[in-house]
Amino acid sequence: RHARRASVRVIVERTAQRTVRLAVADLSRTGPVPCLPGLNE
């Protein structure tokens, strides 16, 4: 929805015995902004 360019990179890493890191890389430098949507949104 928010990135630019034609592709994204999905990365799945096991950083410790019981820990997994999921990541998505894209070419936009605009960071994610958590929001509080209204009840009807």
All heavy atoms as atom14 arrays in JSON, in Angstrom:
{
  "sequence": "RHARRASVRVIVERTAQRTVRLAVADLSRTGPVPCLPGLNE",
  "atom14_mask": [
    [1, 1, 1, 1, 1, 1, 1, 1, 1, 1, 1, 0, 0, 0],
    [1, 1, 1, 1, 1, 1, 1, 1, 1, 1, 0, 0, 0, 0],
    [1, 1, 1, 1, 1, 0, 0, 0, 0, 0, 0, 0, 0, 0],
    [1, 1, 1, 1, 1, 1, 1, 1, 1, 1, 1, 0, 0, 0],
    [1, 1, 1, 1, 1, 1, 1, 1, 1, 1, 1, 0, 0, 0],
    [1, 1, 1, 1, 1, 0, 0, 0, 0, 0, 0, 0, 0, 0],
    [1, 1, 1, 1, 1, 1, 0, 0, 0, 0, 0, 0, 0, 0],
    [1, 1, 1, 1, 1, 1, 1, 0, 0, 0, 0, 0, 0, 0],
    [1, 1, 1, 1, 1, 1, 1, 1, 1, 1, 1, 0, 0, 0],
    [1, 1, 1, 1, 1, 1, 1, 0, 0, 0, 0, 0, 0, 0],
    [1, 1, 1, 1, 1, 1, 1, 1, 0, 0, 0, 0, 0, 0],
    [1, 1, 1, 1, 1, 1, 1, 0, 0, 0, 0, 0, 0, 0],
    [1, 1, 1, 1, 1, 1, 1, 1, 1, 0, 0, 0, 0, 0],
    [1, 1, 1, 1, 1, 1, 1, 1, 1, 1, 1, 0, 0, 0],
    [1, 1, 1, 1, 1, 1, 1, 0, 0, 0, 0, 0, 0, 0],
    [1, 1, 1, 1, 1, 0, 0, 0, 0, 0, 0, 0, 0, 0],
    [1, 1, 1, 1, 1, 1, 1, 1, 1, 0, 0, 0, 0, 0],
    [1, 1, 1, 1, 1, 1, 1, 1, 1, 1, 1, 0, 0, 0],
    [1, 1, 1, 1, 1, 1, 1, 0, 0, 0, 0, 0, 0, 0],
    [1, 1, 1, 1, 1, 1, 1, 0, 0, 0, 0, 0, 0, 0],
    [1, 1, 1, 1, 1, 1, 1, 1, 1, 1, 1, 0, 0, 0],
    [1, 1, 1, 1, 1, 1, 1, 1, 0, 0, 0, 0, 0, 0],
    [1, 1, 1, 1, 1, 0, 0, 0, 0, 0, 0, 0, 0, 0],
    [1, 1, 1, 1, 1, 1, 1, 0, 0, 0, 0, 0, 0, 0],
    [1, 1, 1, 1, 1, 0, 0, 0, 0, 0, 0, 0, 0, 0],
    [1, 1, 1, 1, 1, 1, 1, 1, 0, 0, 0, 0, 0, 0],
    [1, 1, 1, 1, 1, 1, 1, 1, 0, 0, 0, 0, 0, 0],
    [1, 1, 1, 1, 1, 1, 0, 0, 0, 0, 0, 0, 0, 0],
    [1, 1, 1, 1, 1, 1, 1, 1, 1, 1, 1, 0, 0, 0],
    [1, 1, 1, 1, 1, 1, 1, 0, 0, 0, 0, 0, 0, 0],
    [1, 1, 1, 1, 0, 0, 0, 0, 0, 0, 0, 0, 0, 0],
    [1, 1, 1, 1, 1, 1, 1, 0, 0, 0, 0, 0, 0, 0],
    [1, 1, 1, 1, 1, 1, 1, 0, 0, 0, 0, 0, 0, 0],
    [1, 1, 1, 1, 1, 1, 1, 0, 0, 0, 0, 0, 0, 0],
    [1, 1, 1, 1, 1, 1, 0, 0, 0, 0, 0, 0, 0, 0],
    [1, 1, 1, 1, 1, 1, 1, 1, 0, 0, 0, 0, 0, 0],
    [1, 1, 1, 1, 1, 1, 1, 0, 0, 0, 0, 0, 0, 0],
    [1, 1, 1, 1, 0, 0, 0, 0, 0, 0, 0, 0, 0, 0],
    [1, 1, 1, 1, 1, 1, 1, 1, 0, 0, 0, 0, 0, 0],
    [1, 1, 1, 1, 1, 1, 1, 1, 0, 0, 0, 0, 0, 0],
    [1, 1, 1, 1, 1, 1, 1, 1, 1, 0, 0, 0, 0, 0]
  ],
  "atom14_positions": [
    [[0.8, -1.22, 0.0], [0.0, 0.0, 0.0], [0.84, 1.28, 0.0], [0.49, 2.26, -0.65], [-0.91, 0.0, 1.22], [-1.82, 1.18, 1.23], [-2.87, 1.04, 2.27], [-3.75, 2.19, 2.16], [-4.85, 2.33, 2.82], [-5.24, 1.38, 3.64], [-5.58, 3.39, 2.69], [0.0, 0.0, 0.0], [0.0, 0.0, 0.0], [0.0, 0.0, 0.0]],
    [[1.95, 1.28, 0.74], [2.66, 2.54, 0.97], [4.02, 2.66, 0.29], [4.57, 3.76, 0.24], [2.84, 2.76, 2.47], [1.55, 2.84, 3.21], [0.68, 3.9, 3.07], [0.96, 1.98, 4.07], [-0.38, 3.7, 3.83], [-0.24, 2.53, 4.45], [0.0, 0.0, 0.0], [0.0, 0.0, 0.0], [0.0, 0.0, 0.0], [0.0, 0.0, 0.0]],
    [[4.6, 1.57, -0.17], [5.96, 1.63, -0.72], [5.95, 2.13, -2.16], [4.9, 2.34, -2.76], [6.6, 0.24, -0.64], [0.0, 0.0, 0.0], [0.0, 0.0, 0.0], [0.0, 0.0, 0.0], [0.0, 0.0, 0.0], [0.0, 0.0, 0.0], [0.0, 0.0, 0.0], [0.0, 0.0, 0.0], [0.0, 0.0, 0.0], [0.0, 0.0, 0.0]],
    [[7.15, 2.29, -2.67], [7.33, 2.65, -4.07], [8.05, 1.51, -4.76], [8.5, 0.58, -4.13], [8.18, 3.92, -4.17], [7.57, 5.09, -3.47], [8.41, 6.32, -3.63], [9.83, 6.04, -3.41], [10.69, 6.88, -2.92], [10.31, 8.08, -2.6], [11.95, 6.57, -2.76], [0.0, 0.0, 0.0], [0.0, 0.0, 0.0], [0.0, 0.0, 0.0]],
    [[8.13, 1.6, -6.02], [8.81, 0.62, -6.88], [7.95, -0.63, -7.04], [6.89, -0.77, -6.49], [10.2, 0.29, -6.39], [11.11, 1.49, -6.23], [11.62, 1.97, -7.58], [12.32, 3.22, -7.47], [13.63, 3.34, -7.55], [14.38, 2.28, -7.72], [14.18, 4.53, -7.45], [0.0, 0.0, 0.0], [0.0, 0.0, 0.0], [0.0, 0.0, 0.0]],
    [[8.49, -1.59, -7.79], [7.69, -2.72, -8.23], [7.78, -3.96, -7.34], [7.04, -4.9, -7.54], [8.07, -3.09, -9.66], [0.0, 0.0, 0.0], [0.0, 0.0, 0.0], [0.0, 0.0, 0.0], [0.0, 0.0, 0.0], [0.0, 0.0, 0.0], [0.0, 0.0, 0.0], [0.0, 0.0, 0.0], [0.0, 0.0, 0.0], [0.0, 0.0, 0.0]],
    [[8.71, -3.98, -6.37], [8.87, -5.21, -5.59], [9.16, -4.92, -4.12], [9.51, -3.8, -3.75], [10.01, -6.06, -6.18], [11.24, -5.39, -6.07], [0.0, 0.0, 0.0], [0.0, 0.0, 0.0], [0.0, 0.0, 0.0], [0.0, 0.0, 0.0], [0.0, 0.0, 0.0], [0.0, 0.0, 0.0], [0.0, 0.0, 0.0], [0.0, 0.0, 0.0]],
    [[8.99, -5.96, -3.32], [9.35, -5.94, -1.9], [10.13, -7.23, -1.62], [10.02, -8.2, -2.36], [8.11, -5.87, -0.97], [7.34, -4.59, -1.21], [7.21, -7.07, -1.13], [0.0, 0.0, 0.0], [0.0, 0.0, 0.0], [0.0, 0.0, 0.0], [0.0, 0.0, 0.0], [0.0, 0.0, 0.0], [0.0, 0.0, 0.0], [0.0, 0.0, 0.0]],
    [[10.91, -7.22, -0.57], [11.68, -8.41, -0.19], [11.19, -8.88, 1.16], [11.16, -8.11, 2.13], [13.16, -8.08, -0.12], [14.01, -9.28, 0.16], [14.91, -9.55, -1.03], [15.71, -10.75, -0.83], [15.67, -11.77, -1.67], [14.89, -11.72, -2.72], [16.42, -12.81, -1.48], [0.0, 0.0, 0.0], [0.0, 0.0, 0.0], [0.0, 0.0, 0.0]],
    [[10.8, -10.14, 1.24], [10.35, -10.76, 2.49], [11.5, -11.6, 3.03], [12.11, -12.38, 2.3], [9.1, -11.63, 2.26], [8.68, -12.32, 3.54], [7.97, -10.8, 1.69], [0.0, 0.0, 0.0], [0.0, 0.0, 0.0], [0.0, 0.0, 0.0], [0.0, 0.0, 0.0], [0.0, 0.0, 0.0], [0.0, 0.0, 0.0], [0.0, 0.0, 0.0]],
    [[11.79, -11.41, 4.31], [12.92, -12.09, 4.94], [12.43, -12.81, 6.2], [11.71, -12.22, 7.01], [14.02, -11.07, 5.33], [14.44, -10.27, 4.09], [15.21, -11.76, 5.99], [14.79, -8.85, 4.37], [0.0, 0.0, 0.0], [0.0, 0.0, 0.0], [0.0, 0.0, 0.0], [0.0, 0.0, 0.0], [0.0, 0.0, 0.0], [0.0, 0.0, 0.0]],
    [[12.82, -14.06, 6.35], [12.46, -14.86, 7.53], [13.77, -15.38, 8.12], [14.51, -16.12, 7.46], [11.54, -16.04, 7.15], [11.09, -16.78, 8.4], [10.35, -15.58, 6.33], [0.0, 0.0, 0.0], [0.0, 0.0, 0.0], [0.0, 0.0, 0.0], [0.0, 0.0, 0.0], [0.0, 0.0, 0.0], [0.0, 0.0, 0.0], [0.0, 0.0, 0.0]],
    [[14.05, -14.98, 9.35], [15.29, -15.38, 10.01], [14.99, -15.97, 11.38], [14.08, -15.52, 12.06], [16.2, -14.17, 10.21], [16.63, -13.49, 8.94], [17.44, -12.26, 9.21], [16.93, -11.34, 9.88], [18.59, -12.22, 8.77], [0.0, 0.0, 0.0], [0.0, 0.0, 0.0], [0.0, 0.0, 0.0], [0.0, 0.0, 0.0], [0.0, 0.0, 0.0]],
    [[15.79, -16.91, 11.75], [15.72, -17.48, 13.1], [16.87, -16.87, 13.88], [18.03, -17.22, 13.67], [15.84, -19.0, 13.03], [15.6, -19.67, 14.35], [15.59, -21.17, 14.14], [15.36, -21.86, 15.4], [15.38, -23.18, 15.5], [15.61, -23.93, 14.43], [15.16, -23.76, 16.66], [0.0, 0.0, 0.0], [0.0, 0.0, 0.0], [0.0, 0.0, 0.0]],
    [[16.56, -15.93, 14.73], [17.6, -15.18, 15.42], [18.07, -15.84, 16.71], [19.11, -15.47, 17.25], [17.12, -13.75, 15.72], [15.93, -13.82, 16.49], [16.86, -12.99, 14.43], [0.0, 0.0, 0.0], [0.0, 0.0, 0.0], [0.0, 0.0, 0.0], [0.0, 0.0, 0.0], [0.0, 0.0, 0.0], [0.0, 0.0, 0.0], [0.0, 0.0, 0.0]],
    [[17.29, -16.77, 17.22], [17.65, -17.54, 18.42], [16.88, -18.86, 18.34], [16.05, -19.06, 17.46], [17.3, -16.78, 19.69], [0.0, 0.0, 0.0], [0.0, 0.0, 0.0], [0.0, 0.0, 0.0], [0.0, 0.0, 0.0], [0.0, 0.0, 0.0], [0.0, 0.0, 0.0], [0.0, 0.0, 0.0], [0.0, 0.0, 0.0], [0.0, 0.0, 0.0]],
    [[17.14, -19.74, 19.29], [16.53, -21.07, 19.26], [15.01, -21.02, 19.1], [14.45, -21.79, 18.35], [16.9, -21.83, 20.54], [16.5, -23.28, 20.53], [17.29, -24.1, 19.52], [18.44, -23.79, 19.19], [16.69, -25.15, 18.99], [0.0, 0.0, 0.0], [0.0, 0.0, 0.0], [0.0, 0.0, 0.0], [0.0, 0.0, 0.0], [0.0, 0.0, 0.0]],
    [[14.34, -20.1, 19.79], [12.87, -20.03, 19.76], [12.36, -18.68, 19.25], [11.22, -18.31, 19.51], [12.31, -20.29, 21.16], [12.76, -21.58, 21.83], [12.23, -22.84, 21.2], [10.79, -22.92, 21.35], [10.01, -23.71, 20.61], [10.53, -24.48, 19.7], [8.72, -23.74, 20.81], [0.0, 0.0, 0.0], [0.0, 0.0, 0.0], [0.0, 0.0, 0.0]],
    [[13.2, -17.91, 18.55], [12.82, -16.58, 18.07], [12.95, -16.48, 16.56], [13.96, -16.88, 16.0], [13.68, -15.5, 18.73], [13.59, -15.63, 20.15], [13.22, -14.11, 18.33], [0.0, 0.0, 0.0], [0.0, 0.0, 0.0], [0.0, 0.0, 0.0], [0.0, 0.0, 0.0], [0.0, 0.0, 0.0], [0.0, 0.0, 0.0], [0.0, 0.0, 0.0]],
    [[11.93, -15.93, 15.94], [11.91, -15.74, 14.5], [11.68, -14.26, 14.21], [10.87, -13.61, 14.87], [10.77, -16.58, 13.86], [10.63, -16.27, 12.39], [11.04, -18.05, 14.08], [0.0, 0.0, 0.0], [0.0, 0.0, 0.0], [0.0, 0.0, 0.0], [0.0, 0.0, 0.0], [0.0, 0.0, 0.0], [0.0, 0.0, 0.0], [0.0, 0.0, 0.0]],
    [[12.43, -13.75, 13.25], [12.25, -12.36, 12.81], [11.68, -12.39, 11.39], [12.25, -13.0, 10.51], [13.56, -11.6, 12.82], [13.42, -10.17, 12.3], [14.74, -9.46, 12.31], [14.88, -8.8, 13.59], [15.41, -7.59, 13.73], [15.86, -6.92, 12.7], [15.49, -7.05, 14.93], [0.0, 0.0, 0.0], [0.0, 0.0, 0.0], [0.0, 0.0, 0.0]],
    [[10.55, -11.73, 11.23], [9.91, -11.57, 9.92], [10.14, -10.13, 9.5], [9.96, -9.21, 10.3], [8.41, -11.83, 10.03], [8.01, -13.12, 10.73], [6.51, -13.14, 10.96], [8.46, -14.31, 9.93], [0.0, 0.0, 0.0], [0.0, 0.0, 0.0], [0.0, 0.0, 0.0], [0.0, 0.0, 0.0], [0.0, 0.0, 0.0], [0.0, 0.0, 0.0]],
    [[10.55, -9.93, 8.26], [10.83, -8.58, 7.81], [10.4, -8.39, 6.36], [10.38, -9.35, 5.58], [12.33, -8.3, 7.93], [0.0, 0.0, 0.0], [0.0, 0.0, 0.0], [0.0, 0.0, 0.0], [0.0, 0.0, 0.0], [0.0, 0.0, 0.0], [0.0, 0.0, 0.0], [0.0, 0.0, 0.0], [0.0, 0.0, 0.0], [0.0, 0.0, 0.0]],
    [[10.05, -7.14, 6.06], [9.72, -6.77, 4.69], [10.52, -5.52, 4.36], [10.41, -4.5, 5.06], [8.21, -6.53, 4.5], [7.92, -6.04, 3.09], [7.42, -7.81, 4.78], [0.0, 0.0, 0.0], [0.0, 0.0, 0.0], [0.0, 0.0, 0.0], [0.0, 0.0, 0.0], [0.0, 0.0, 0.0], [0.0, 0.0, 0.0], [0.0, 0.0, 0.0]],
    [[11.33, -5.62, 3.33], [12.15, -4.5, 2.88], [11.51, -3.89, 1.63], [11.04, -4.61, 0.76], [13.56, -4.98, 2.56], [0.0, 0.0, 0.0], [0.0, 0.0, 0.0], [0.0, 0.0, 0.0], [0.0, 0.0, 0.0], [0.0, 0.0, 0.0], [0.0, 0.0, 0.0], [0.0, 0.0, 0.0], [0.0, 0.0, 0.0], [0.0, 0.0, 0.0]],
    [[11.52, -2.56, 1.59], [11.04, -1.87, 0.38], [11.87, -0.62, 0.16], [12.67, -0.24, 1.0], [9.53, -1.57, 0.48], [9.19, -0.57, 1.55], [9.64, 0.59, 1.47], [8.45, -0.93, 2.48], [0.0, 0.0, 0.0], [0.0, 0.0, 0.0], [0.0, 0.0, 0.0], [0.0, 0.0, 0.0], [0.0, 0.0, 0.0], [0.0, 0.0, 0.0]],
    [[11.67, 0.01, -0.97], [12.51, 1.13, -1.37], [11.95, 2.49, -0.99], [12.42, 3.51, -1.48], [12.76, 1.06, -2.88], [13.49, -0.22, -3.32], [13.63, -0.26, -4.83], [14.85, -0.32, -2.66], [0.0, 0.0, 0.0], [0.0, 0.0, 0.0], [0.0, 0.0, 0.0], [0.0, 0.0, 0.0], [0.0, 0.0, 0.0], [0.0, 0.0, 0.0]],
    [[10.99, 2.53, -0.11], [10.47, 3.8, 0.4], [11.11, 4.07, 1.75], [11.26, 3.17, 2.57], [8.95, 3.72, 0.57], [8.48, 4.83, 1.29], [0.0, 0.0, 0.0], [0.0, 0.0, 0.0], [0.0, 0.0, 0.0], [0.0, 0.0, 0.0], [0.0, 0.0, 0.0], [0.0, 0.0, 0.0], [0.0, 0.0, 0.0], [0.0, 0.0, 0.0]],
    [[11.47, 5.31, 2.0], [12.07, 5.65, 3.29], [11.04, 6.18, 4.28], [11.39, 6.57, 5.38], [13.22, 6.62, 3.09], [14.33, 5.95, 2.31], [15.66, 6.58, 2.38], [15.65, 8.02, 2.29], [16.73, 8.76, 2.3], [17.9, 8.19, 2.39], [16.67, 10.05, 2.22], [0.0, 0.0, 0.0], [0.0, 0.0, 0.0], [0.0, 0.0, 0.0]],
    [[9.79, 6.17, 3.91], [8.73, 6.6, 4.81], [8.41, 5.45, 5.76], [8.03, 4.36, 5.33], [7.46, 6.99, 4.03], [7.81, 8.02, 3.11], [6.38, 7.47, 4.96], [0.0, 0.0, 0.0], [0.0, 0.0, 0.0], [0.0, 0.0, 0.0], [0.0, 0.0, 0.0], [0.0, 0.0, 0.0], [0.0, 0.0, 0.0], [0.0, 0.0, 0.0]],
    [[8.59, 5.69, 7.05], [8.39, 4.64, 8.05], [6.93, 4.4, 8.37], [6.06, 5.22, 8.06], [0.0, 0.0, 0.0], [0.0, 0.0, 0.0], [0.0, 0.0, 0.0], [0.0, 0.0, 0.0], [0.0, 0.0, 0.0], [0.0, 0.0, 0.0], [0.0, 0.0, 0.0], [0.0, 0.0, 0.0], [0.0, 0.0, 0.0], [0.0, 0.0, 0.0]],
    [[6.65, 3.27, 8.99], [5.27, 2.94, 9.37], [4.8, 3.84, 10.51], [5.59, 4.21, 11.38], [5.35, 1.48, 9.81], [6.76, 1.3, 10.24], [7.59, 2.23, 9.4], [0.0, 0.0, 0.0], [0.0, 0.0, 0.0], [0.0, 0.0, 0.0], [0.0, 0.0, 0.0], [0.0, 0.0, 0.0], [0.0, 0.0, 0.0], [0.0, 0.0, 0.0]],
    [[3.53, 4.17, 10.49], [2.95, 5.02, 11.53], [1.72, 4.31, 12.1], [0.69, 4.21, 11.43], [2.53, 6.4, 10.96], [1.91, 7.26, 12.04], [3.72, 7.09, 10.32], [0.0, 0.0, 0.0], [0.0, 0.0, 0.0], [0.0, 0.0, 0.0], [0.0, 0.0, 0.0], [0.0, 0.0, 0.0], [0.0, 0.0, 0.0], [0.0, 0.0, 0.0]],
    [[1.83, 3.78, 13.32], [0.65, 3.16, 13.94], [-0.43, 4.22, 14.16], [-0.13, 5.37, 14.46], [1.17, 2.64, 15.28], [2.66, 2.63, 15.15], [3.01, 3.7, 14.17], [0.0, 0.0, 0.0], [0.0, 0.0, 0.0], [0.0, 0.0, 0.0], [0.0, 0.0, 0.0], [0.0, 0.0, 0.0], [0.0, 0.0, 0.0], [0.0, 0.0, 0.0]],
    [[-1.65, 3.83, 13.97], [-2.75, 4.77, 14.19], [-3.88, 4.06, 14.94], [-3.89, 2.85, 15.07], [-3.24, 5.33, 12.87], [-3.87, 4.1, 11.72], [0.0, 0.0, 0.0], [0.0, 0.0, 0.0], [0.0, 0.0, 0.0], [0.0, 0.0, 0.0], [0.0, 0.0, 0.0], [0.0, 0.0, 0.0], [0.0, 0.0, 0.0], [0.0, 0.0, 0.0]],
    [[-4.79, 4.86, 15.45], [-5.97, 4.33, 16.13], [-7.19, 4.66, 15.26], [-7.71, 5.77, 15.32], [-6.12, 4.95, 17.51], [-5.04, 4.56, 18.52], [-5.18, 5.37, 19.8], [-5.13, 3.08, 18.82], [0.0, 0.0, 0.0], [0.0, 0.0, 0.0], [0.0, 0.0, 0.0], [0.0, 0.0, 0.0], [0.0, 0.0, 0.0], [0.0, 0.0, 0.0]],
    [[-7.61, 3.7, 14.45], [-8.75, 3.96, 13.57], [-10.06, 4.04, 14.36], [-10.17, 3.5, 15.46], [-8.75, 2.75, 12.64], [-8.1, 1.67, 13.43], [-7.09, 2.37, 14.31], [0.0, 0.0, 0.0], [0.0, 0.0, 0.0], [0.0, 0.0, 0.0], [0.0, 0.0, 0.0], [0.0, 0.0, 0.0], [0.0, 0.0, 0.0], [0.0, 0.0, 0.0]],
    [[-11.01, 4.7, 13.77], [-12.34, 4.77, 14.38], [-13.02, 3.41, 14.33], [-12.61, 2.51, 13.6], [0.0, 0.0, 0.0], [0.0, 0.0, 0.0], [0.0, 0.0, 0.0], [0.0, 0.0, 0.0], [0.0, 0.0, 0.0], [0.0, 0.0, 0.0], [0.0, 0.0, 0.0], [0.0, 0.0, 0.0], [0.0, 0.0, 0.0], [0.0, 0.0, 0.0]],
    [[-14.08, 3.27, 15.09], [-14.79, 1.99, 15.16], [-15.34, 1.54, 13.82], [-15.43, 0.34, 13.55], [-15.94, 2.09, 16.18], [-15.51, 2.24, 17.64], [-16.73, 2.46, 18.52], [-14.73, 1.03, 18.08], [0.0, 0.0, 0.0], [0.0, 0.0, 0.0], [0.0, 0.0, 0.0], [0.0, 0.0, 0.0], [0.0, 0.0, 0.0], [0.0, 0.0, 0.0]],
    [[-15.73, 2.46, 12.98], [-16.34, 2.1, 11.7], [-15.34, 2.03, 10.55], [-15.72, 1.71, 9.44], [-17.46, 3.09, 11.36], [-18.6, 2.99, 12.34], [-18.9, 1.91, 12.85], [-19.23, 4.11, 12.63], [0.0, 0.0, 0.0], [0.0, 0.0, 0.0], [0.0, 0.0, 0.0], [0.0, 0.0, 0.0], [0.0, 0.0, 0.0], [0.0, 0.0, 0.0]],
    [[-14.08, 2.34, 10.81], [-13.08, 2.28, 9.75], [-12.65, 0.84, 9.53], [-12.48, 0.07, 10.47], [-11.88, 3.15, 10.11], [-12.23, 4.63, 10.12], [-11.04, 5.49, 10.43], [-9.98, 5.29, 9.8], [-11.16, 6.36, 11.31], [0.0, 0.0, 0.0], [0.0, 0.0, 0.0], [0.0, 0.0, 0.0], [0.0, 0.0, 0.0], [0.0, 0.0, 0.0]]
  ]
}
